[in-house]
Amino acid sequence: MNDELQELKNLGKTSAQWLHAVGIHNANDLRRLGAVSAYQAVRARGFRASKVLLYAIEGALLGVHWNDLPPGHKAQLNDRLDQT
């Protein structure tokens, strides 16, 4: 099966399954929702995703490995997450 989400950097089978379960089926869906909202949707569905998923989604949207996101960028994501 060709899964567009799994073709994005950082996203594997499990993260793609979680995203599908919350209605995110392709890169456009992911871009529309954004990393923070997508991560929140996964967590709200009861999946035990760590913050690495948040960084992985953001990295997927930017086309970089999640660990290459600058610490300041990760801090901004965490701040946005805390504000919601």
PDB file of N, CA and C in Angstrom:
ATOM      1  N   MET A   1       0.838  -1.180   0.000  1.00  0.00           N
ATOM      2  CA  MET A   1       0.000   0.000   0.000  1.00  0.00           C
ATOM      3  C   MET A   1       0.885   1.246   0.000  1.00  0.00           C
ATOM      4  N   ASN A   2       0.560   2.190  -0.851  1.00  0.00           N
ATOM      5  CA  ASN A   2       1.300   3.435  -0.953  1.00  0.00           C
ATOM      6  C   ASN A   2       0.684   4.449   0.013  1.00  0.00           C
ATOM      7  N   ASP A   3       1.404   4.809   1.049  1.00  0.00           N
ATOM      8  CA  ASP A   3       0.920   5.740   2.048  1.00  0.00           C
ATOM      9  C   ASP A   3       1.732   7.021   1.950  1.00  0.00           C
ATOM     10  N   GLU A   4       1.091   8.073   1.505  1.00  0.00           N
ATOM     11  CA  GLU A   4       1.777   9.349   1.302  1.00  0.00           C
ATOM     12  C   GLU A   4       2.432   9.856   2.583  1.00  0.00           C
ATOM     13  N   LEU A   5       1.781   9.646   3.728  1.00  0.00           N
ATOM     14  CA  LEU A   5       2.353  10.120   4.989  1.00  0.00           C
ATOM     15  C   LEU A   5       3.680   9.425   5.296  1.00  0.00           C
ATOM     16  N   GLN A   6       3.754   8.128   5.017  1.00  0.00           N
ATOM     17  CA  GLN A   6       4.982   7.392   5.293  1.00  0.00           C
ATOM     18  C   GLN A   6       6.120   7.799   4.364  1.00  0.00           C
ATOM     19  N   GLU A   7       5.796   8.462   3.272  1.00  0.00           N
ATOM     20  CA  GLU A   7       6.833   8.934   2.361  1.00  0.00           C
ATOM     21  C   GLU A   7       7.474  10.217   2.864  1.00  0.00           C
ATOM     22  N   LEU A   8       6.824  10.880   3.827  1.00  0.00           N
ATOM     23  CA  LEU A   8       7.395  12.090   4.403  1.00  0.00           C
ATOM     24  C   LEU A   8       8.504  11.729   5.379  1.00  0.00           C
ATOM     25  N   LYS A   9       9.494  12.592   5.464  1.00  0.00           N
ATOM     26  CA  LYS A   9      10.594  12.387   6.403  1.00  0.00           C
ATOM     27  C   LYS A   9      10.030  12.287   7.818  1.00  0.00           C
ATOM     28  N   ASN A  10      10.561  11.375   8.609  1.00  0.00           N
ATOM     29  CA  ASN A  10      10.250  11.178  10.028  1.00  0.00           C
ATOM     30  C   ASN A  10       9.012  10.346  10.334  1.00  0.00           C
ATOM     31  N   LEU A  11       8.122  10.167   9.379  1.00  0.00           N
ATOM     32  CA  LEU A  11       6.863   9.489   9.675  1.00  0.00           C
ATOM     33  C   LEU A  11       6.921   8.036   9.227  1.00  0.00           C
ATOM     34  N   GLY A  12       6.726   7.142  10.176  1.00  0.00           N
ATOM     35  CA  GLY A  12       6.723   5.717   9.889  1.00  0.00           C
ATOM     36  C   GLY A  12       5.326   5.151   9.969  1.00  0.00           C
ATOM     37  N   LYS A  13       5.255   3.852  10.036  1.00  0.00           N
ATOM     38  CA  LYS A  13       3.976   3.150  10.010  1.00  0.00           C
ATOM     39  C   LYS A  13       3.067   3.554  11.179  1.00  0.00           C
ATOM     40  N   THR A  14       3.595   3.559  12.382  1.00  0.00           N
ATOM     41  CA  THR A  14       2.758   3.857  13.546  1.00  0.00           C
ATOM     42  C   THR A  14       2.276   5.296  13.527  1.00  0.00           C
ATOM     43  N   SER A  15       3.170   6.225  13.282  1.00  0.00           N
ATOM     44  CA  SER A  15       2.732   7.629  13.274  1.00  0.00           C
ATOM     45  C   SER A  15       1.726   7.872  12.150  1.00  0.00           C
ATOM     46  N   ALA A  16       1.922   7.245  11.002  1.00  0.00           N
ATOM     47  CA  ALA A  16       0.956   7.386   9.908  1.00  0.00           C
ATOM     48  C   ALA A  16      -0.400   6.790  10.303  1.00  0.00           C
ATOM     49  N   GLN A  17      -0.388   5.660  10.983  1.00  0.00           N
ATOM     50  CA  GLN A  17      -1.656   5.057  11.432  1.00  0.00           C
ATOM     51  C   GLN A  17      -2.378   5.976  12.411  1.00  0.00           C
ATOM     52  N   TRP A  18      -1.629   6.570  13.327  1.00  0.00           N
ATOM     53  CA  TRP A  18      -2.247   7.506  14.282  1.00  0.00           C
ATOM     54  C   TRP A  18      -2.848   8.696  13.548  1.00  0.00           C
ATOM     55  N   LEU A  19      -2.112   9.236  12.593  1.00  0.00           N
ATOM     56  CA  LEU A  19      -2.617  10.380  11.835  1.00  0.00           C
ATOM     57  C   LEU A  19      -3.846  10.011  11.014  1.00  0.00           C
ATOM     58  N   HIS A  20      -3.836   8.840  10.398  1.00  0.00           N
ATOM     59  CA  HIS A  20      -5.017   8.382   9.666  1.00  0.00           C
ATOM     60  C   HIS A  20      -6.223   8.274  10.601  1.00  0.00           C
ATOM     61  N   ALA A  21      -5.988   7.791  11.818  1.00  0.00           N
ATOM     62  CA  ALA A  21      -7.084   7.597  12.780  1.00  0.00           C
ATOM     63  C   ALA A  21      -7.750   8.907  13.169  1.00  0.00           C
ATOM     64  N   VAL A  22      -7.037  10.026  13.014  1.00  0.00           N
ATOM     65  CA  VAL A  22      -7.630  11.321  13.362  1.00  0.00           C
ATOM     66  C   VAL A  22      -8.022  12.113  12.113  1.00  0.00           C
ATOM     67  N   GLY A  23      -8.044  11.439  10.965  1.00  0.00           N
ATOM     68  CA  GLY A  23      -8.539  12.063   9.743  1.00  0.00           C
ATOM     69  C   GLY A  23      -7.502  12.766   8.890  1.00  0.00           C
ATOM     70  N   ILE A  24      -6.237  12.529   9.169  1.00  0.00           N
ATOM     71  CA  ILE A  24      -5.159  13.116   8.365  1.00  0.00           C
ATOM     72  C   ILE A  24      -4.633  12.019   7.452  1.00  0.00           C
ATOM     73  N   HIS A  25      -4.848  12.189   6.143  1.00  0.00           N
ATOM     74  CA  HIS A  25      -4.539  11.110   5.215  1.00  0.00           C
ATOM     75  C   HIS A  25      -3.447  11.431   4.209  1.00  0.00           C
ATOM     76  N   ASN A  26      -3.041  12.697   4.137  1.00  0.00           N
ATOM     77  CA  ASN A  26      -2.000  13.065   3.174  1.00  0.00           C
ATOM     78  C   ASN A  26      -1.280  14.319   3.644  1.00  0.00           C
ATOM     79  N   ALA A  27      -0.269  14.703   2.885  1.00  0.00           N
ATOM     80  CA  ALA A  27       0.553  15.860   3.256  1.00  0.00           C
ATOM     81  C   ALA A  27      -0.264  17.148   3.294  1.00  0.00           C
ATOM     82  N   ASN A  28      -1.227  17.283   2.393  1.00  0.00           N
ATOM     83  CA  ASN A  28      -2.060  18.492   2.392  1.00  0.00           C
ATOM     84  C   ASN A  28      -2.893  18.587   3.669  1.00  0.00           C
ATOM     85  N   ASP A  29      -3.452  17.464   4.103  1.00  0.00           N
ATOM     86  CA  ASP A  29      -4.193  17.459   5.368  1.00  0.00           C
ATOM     87  C   ASP A  29      -3.284  17.893   6.509  1.00  0.00           C
ATOM     88  N   LEU A  30      -2.072  17.369   6.507  1.00  0.00           N
ATOM     89  CA  LEU A  30      -1.118  17.666   7.571  1.00  0.00           C
ATOM     90  C   LEU A  30      -0.725  19.139   7.549  1.00  0.00           C
ATOM     91  N   ARG A  31      -0.481  19.675   6.359  1.00  0.00           N
ATOM     92  CA  ARG A  31      -0.130  21.096   6.243  1.00  0.00           C
ATOM     93  C   ARG A  31      -1.276  21.982   6.713  1.00  0.00           C
ATOM     94  N   ARG A  32      -2.486  21.625   6.318  1.00  0.00           N
ATOM     95  CA  ARG A  32      -3.666  22.410   6.687  1.00  0.00           C
ATOM     96  C   ARG A  32      -3.827  22.483   8.202  1.00  0.00           C
ATOM     97  N   LEU A  33      -3.609  21.363   8.866  1.00  0.00           N
ATOM     98  CA  LEU A  33      -3.801  21.295  10.310  1.00  0.00           C
ATOM     99  C   LEU A  33      -2.596  21.853  11.068  1.00  0.00           C
ATOM    100  N   GLY A  34      -1.406  21.566  10.579  1.00  0.00           N
ATOM    101  CA  GLY A  34      -0.191  22.003  11.261  1.00  0.00           C
ATOM    102  C   GLY A  34       0.247  20.997  12.308  1.00  0.00           C
ATOM    103  N   ALA A  35       1.504  21.091  12.706  1.00  0.00           N
ATOM    104  CA  ALA A  35       2.097  20.108  13.602  1.00  0.00           C
ATOM    105  C   ALA A  35       1.441  20.083  14.973  1.00  0.00           C
ATOM    106  N   VAL A  36       1.207  21.247  15.551  1.00  0.00           N
ATOM    107  CA  VAL A  36       0.664  21.287  16.916  1.00  0.00           C
ATOM    108  C   VAL A  36      -0.746  20.707  16.954  1.00  0.00           C
ATOM    109  N   SER A  37      -1.600  21.128  16.040  1.00  0.00           N
ATOM    110  CA  SER A  37      -2.976  20.620  16.030  1.00  0.00           C
ATOM    111  C   SER A  37      -3.034  19.134  15.701  1.00  0.00           C
ATOM    112  N   ALA A  38      -2.176  18.691  14.783  1.00  0.00           N
ATOM    113  CA  ALA A  38      -2.144  17.263  14.450  1.00  0.00           C
ATOM    114  C   ALA A  38      -1.714  16.451  15.663  1.00  0.00           C
ATOM    115  N   TYR A  39      -0.685  16.905  16.354  1.00  0.00           N
ATOM    116  CA  TYR A  39      -0.204  16.222  17.561  1.00  0.00           C
ATOM    117  C   TYR A  39      -1.306  16.193  18.629  1.00  0.00           C
ATOM    118  N   GLN A  40      -1.980  17.309  18.822  1.00  0.00           N
ATOM    119  CA  GLN A  40      -3.057  17.362  19.815  1.00  0.00           C
ATOM    120  C   GLN A  40      -4.179  16.389  19.454  1.00  0.00           C
ATOM    121  N   ALA A  41      -4.504  16.283  18.186  1.00  0.00           N
ATOM    122  CA  ALA A  41      -5.556  15.369  17.748  1.00  0.00           C
ATOM    123  C   ALA A  41      -5.175  13.922  18.046  1.00  0.00           C
ATOM    124  N   VAL A  42      -3.930  13.582  17.805  1.00  0.00           N
ATOM    125  CA  VAL A  42      -3.458  12.223  18.085  1.00  0.00           C
ATOM    126  C   VAL A  42      -3.538  11.935  19.577  1.00  0.00           C
ATOM    127  N   ARG A  43      -3.071  12.865  20.389  1.00  0.00           N
ATOM    128  CA  ARG A  43      -3.112  12.683  21.848  1.00  0.00           C
ATOM    129  C   ARG A  43      -4.557  12.616  22.352  1.00  0.00           C
ATOM    130  N   ALA A  44      -5.436  13.452  21.799  1.00  0.00           N
ATOM    131  CA  ALA A  44      -6.842  13.469  22.225  1.00  0.00           C
ATOM    132  C   ALA A  44      -7.543  12.156  21.896  1.00  0.00           C
ATOM    133  N   ARG A  45      -7.066  11.487  20.885  1.00  0.00           N
ATOM    134  CA  ARG A  45      -7.644  10.196  20.495  1.00  0.00           C
ATOM    135  C   ARG A  45      -7.196   9.075  21.426  1.00  0.00           C
ATOM    136  N   GLY A  46      -6.259   9.389  22.327  1.00  0.00           N
ATOM    137  CA  GLY A  46      -5.828   8.416  23.314  1.00  0.00           C
ATOM    138  C   GLY A  46      -4.518   7.714  23.005  1.00  0.00           C
ATOM    139  N   PHE A  47      -3.890   8.076  21.904  1.00  0.00           N
ATOM    140  CA  PHE A  47      -2.600   7.469  21.576  1.00  0.00           C
ATOM    141  C   PHE A  47      -1.525   8.069  22.483  1.00  0.00           C
ATOM    142  N   ARG A  48      -0.612   7.240  22.929  1.00  0.00           N
ATOM    143  CA  ARG A  48       0.433   7.671  23.858  1.00  0.00           C
ATOM    144  C   ARG A  48       1.662   8.158  23.101  1.00  0.00           C
ATOM    145  N   ALA A  49       1.483   9.213  22.364  1.00  0.00           N
ATOM    146  CA  ALA A  49       2.567   9.781  21.563  1.00  0.00           C
ATOM    147  C   ALA A  49       3.399  10.730  22.416  1.00  0.00           C
ATOM    148  N   SER A  50       4.707  10.633  22.282  1.00  0.00           N
ATOM    149  CA  SER A  50       5.597  11.544  22.996  1.00  0.00           C
ATOM    150  C   SER A  50       5.762  12.818  22.160  1.00  0.00           C
ATOM    151  N   LYS A  51       6.476  13.762  22.727  1.00  0.00           N
ATOM    152  CA  LYS A  51       6.717  15.016  22.005  1.00  0.00           C
ATOM    153  C   LYS A  51       7.574  14.805  20.769  1.00  0.00           C
ATOM    154  N   VAL A  52       8.245  13.680  20.691  1.00  0.00           N
ATOM    155  CA  VAL A  52       9.008  13.389  19.478  1.00  0.00           C
ATOM    156  C   VAL A  52       8.064  13.384  18.272  1.00  0.00           C
ATOM    157  N   LEU A  53       6.831  12.930  18.453  1.00  0.00           N
ATOM    158  CA  LEU A  53       5.879  12.959  17.337  1.00  0.00           C
ATOM    159  C   LEU A  53       5.624  14.396  16.901  1.00  0.00           C
ATOM    160  N   LEU A  54       5.479  15.298  17.844  1.00  0.00           N
ATOM    161  CA  LEU A  54       5.293  16.720  17.504  1.00  0.00           C
ATOM    162  C   LEU A  54       6.454  17.208  16.644  1.00  0.00           C
ATOM    163  N   TYR A  55       7.667  16.911  17.071  1.00  0.00           N
ATOM    164  CA  TYR A  55       8.848  17.339  16.320  1.00  0.00           C
ATOM    165  C   TYR A  55       8.946  16.612  14.980  1.00  0.00           C
ATOM    166  N   ALA A  56       8.564  15.344  14.963  1.00  0.00           N
ATOM    167  CA  ALA A  56       8.606  14.563  13.718  1.00  0.00           C
ATOM    168  C   ALA A  56       7.642  15.141  12.692  1.00  0.00           C
ATOM    169  N   ILE A  57       6.450  15.520  13.144  1.00  0.00           N
ATOM    170  CA  ILE A  57       5.470  16.103  12.222  1.00  0.00           C
ATOM    171  C   ILE A  57       5.991  17.428  11.685  1.00  0.00           C
ATOM    172  N   GLU A  58       6.508  18.273  12.568  1.00  0.00           N
ATOM    173  CA  GLU A  58       7.057  19.559  12.120  1.00  0.00           C
ATOM    174  C   GLU A  58       8.204  19.335  11.145  1.00  0.00           C
ATOM    175  N   GLY A  59       9.085  18.403  11.458  1.00  0.00           N
ATOM    176  CA  GLY A  59      10.178  18.086  10.546  1.00  0.00           C
ATOM    177  C   GLY A  59       9.674  17.570   9.210  1.00  0.00           C
ATOM    178  N   ALA A  60       8.624  16.760   9.249  1.00  0.00           N
ATOM    179  CA  ALA A  60       8.045  16.248   8.004  1.00  0.00           C
ATOM    180  C   ALA A  60       7.523  17.401   7.146  1.00  0.00           C
ATOM    181  N   LEU A  61       6.897  18.370   7.785  1.00  0.00           N
ATOM    182  CA  LEU A  61       6.367  19.517   7.049  1.00  0.00           C
ATOM    183  C   LEU A  61       7.490  20.382   6.467  1.00  0.00           C
ATOM    184  N   LEU A  62       8.622  20.409   7.149  1.00  0.00           N
ATOM    185  CA  LEU A  62       9.758  21.220   6.696  1.00  0.00           C
ATOM    186  C   LEU A  62      10.765  20.430   5.865  1.00  0.00           C
ATOM    187  N   GLY A  63      10.614  19.100   5.843  1.00  0.00           N
ATOM    188  CA  GLY A  63      11.522  18.257   5.073  1.00  0.00           C
ATOM    189  C   GLY A  63      12.875  18.054   5.726  1.00  0.00           C
ATOM    190  N   VAL A  64      12.897  18.095   7.080  1.00  0.00           N
ATOM    191  CA  VAL A  64      14.150  17.889   7.810  1.00  0.00           C
ATOM    192  C   VAL A  64      13.949  16.821   8.880  1.00  0.00           C
ATOM    193  N   HIS A  65      15.037  16.189   9.293  1.00  0.00           N
ATOM    194  CA  HIS A  65      14.957  15.223  10.387  1.00  0.00           C
ATOM    195  C   HIS A  65      14.545  15.961  11.643  1.00  0.00           C
ATOM    196  N   TRP A  66      13.695  15.351  12.433  1.00  0.00           N
ATOM    197  CA  TRP A  66      13.162  16.026  13.623  1.00  0.00           C
ATOM    198  C   TRP A  66      14.263  16.458  14.581  1.00  0.00           C
ATOM    199  N   ASN A  67      15.334  15.708  14.644  1.00  0.00           N
ATOM    200  CA  ASN A  67      16.412  16.036  15.567  1.00  0.00           C
ATOM    201  C   ASN A  67      17.248  17.223  15.072  1.00  0.00           C
ATOM    202  N   ASP A  68      17.060  17.599  13.816  1.00  0.00           N
ATOM    203  CA  ASP A  68      17.777  18.748  13.264  1.00  0.00           C
ATOM    204  C   ASP A  68      17.016  20.058  13.458  1.00  0.00           C
ATOM    205  N   LEU A  69      15.804  19.981  14.015  1.00  0.00           N
ATOM    206  CA  LEU A  69      15.097  21.222  14.331  1.00  0.00           C
ATOM    207  C   LEU A  69      15.880  21.950  15.425  1.00  0.00           C
ATOM    208  N   PRO A  70      16.121  23.235  15.251  1.00  0.00           N
ATOM    209  CA  PRO A  70      16.856  23.974  16.273  1.00  0.00           C
ATOM    210  C   PRO A  70      16.104  23.968  17.613  1.00  0.00           C
ATOM    211  N   PRO A  71      16.832  23.983  18.714  1.00  0.00           N
ATOM    212  CA  PRO A  71      16.185  23.984  20.025  1.00  0.00           C
ATOM    213  C   PRO A  71      15.150  25.107  20.181  1.00  0.00           C
ATOM    214  N   GLY A  72      15.436  26.263  19.607  1.00  0.00           N
ATOM    215  CA  GLY A  72      14.480  27.369  19.679  1.00  0.00           C
ATOM    216  C   GLY A  72      13.184  27.065  18.960  1.00  0.00           C
ATOM    217  N   HIS A  73      13.282  26.348  17.853  1.00  0.00           N
ATOM    218  CA  HIS A  73      12.085  25.965  17.093  1.00  0.00           C
ATOM    219  C   HIS A  73      11.246  24.972  17.908  1.00  0.00           C
ATOM    220  N   LYS A  74      11.928  24.018  18.521  1.00  0.00           N
ATOM    221  CA  LYS A  74      11.219  23.053  19.377  1.00  0.00           C
ATOM    222  C   LYS A  74      10.563  23.778  20.541  1.00  0.00           C
ATOM    223  N   ALA A  75      11.242  24.762  21.109  1.00  0.00           N
ATOM    224  CA  ALA A  75      10.681  25.531  22.218  1.00  0.00           C
ATOM    225  C   ALA A  75       9.427  26.285  21.774  1.00  0.00           C
ATOM    226  N   GLN A  76       9.445  26.835  20.556  1.00  0.00           N
ATOM    227  CA  GLN A  76       8.268  27.528  20.033  1.00  0.00           C
ATOM    228  C   GLN A  76       7.091  26.565  19.878  1.00  0.00           C
ATOM    229  N   LEU A  77       7.370  25.365  19.383  1.00  0.00           N
ATOM    230  CA  LEU A  77       6.308  24.360  19.260  1.00  0.00           C
ATOM    231  C   LEU A  77       5.726  24.029  20.627  1.00  0.00           C
ATOM    232  N   ASN A  78       6.598  23.856  21.611  1.00  0.00           N
ATOM    233  CA  ASN A  78       6.132  23.548  22.967  1.00  0.00           C
ATOM    234  C   ASN A  78       5.318  24.697  23.545  1.00  0.00           C
ATOM    235  N   ASP A  79       5.736  25.931  23.294  1.00  0.00           N
ATOM    236  CA  ASP A  79       4.980  27.093  23.763  1.00  0.00           C
ATOM    237  C   ASP A  79       3.594  27.127  23.131  1.00  0.00           C
ATOM    238  N   ARG A  80       3.521  26.884  21.812  1.00  0.00           N
ATOM    239  CA  ARG A  80       2.226  26.856  21.135  1.00  0.00           C
ATOM    240  C   ARG A  80       1.353  25.749  21.696  1.00  0.00           C
ATOM    241  N   LEU A  81       1.963  24.618  22.000  1.00  0.00           N
ATOM    242  CA  LEU A  81       1.217  23.502  22.576  1.00  0.00           C
ATOM    243  C   LEU A  81       0.684  23.873  23.951  1.00  0.00           C
ATOM    244  N   ASP A  82       1.491  24.540  24.751  1.00  0.00           N
ATOM    245  CA  ASP A  82       1.090  24.928  26.105  1.00  0.00           C
ATOM    246  C   ASP A  82      -0.002  25.995  26.084  1.00  0.00           C
ATOM    247  N   GLN A  83      -0.084  26.792  25.033  1.00  0.00           N
ATOM    248  CA  GLN A  83      -1.078  27.865  24.945  1.00  0.00           C
ATOM    249  C   GLN A  83      -2.457  27.369  24.556  1.00  0.00           C
ATOM    250  N   THR A  84      -2.536  26.118  24.147  1.00  0.00           N
ATOM    251  CA  THR A  84      -3.844  25.613  23.704  1.00  0.00           C
ATOM    252  C   THR A  84      -4.487  24.754  24.766  1.00  0.00           C
TER     253      THR A  84
END
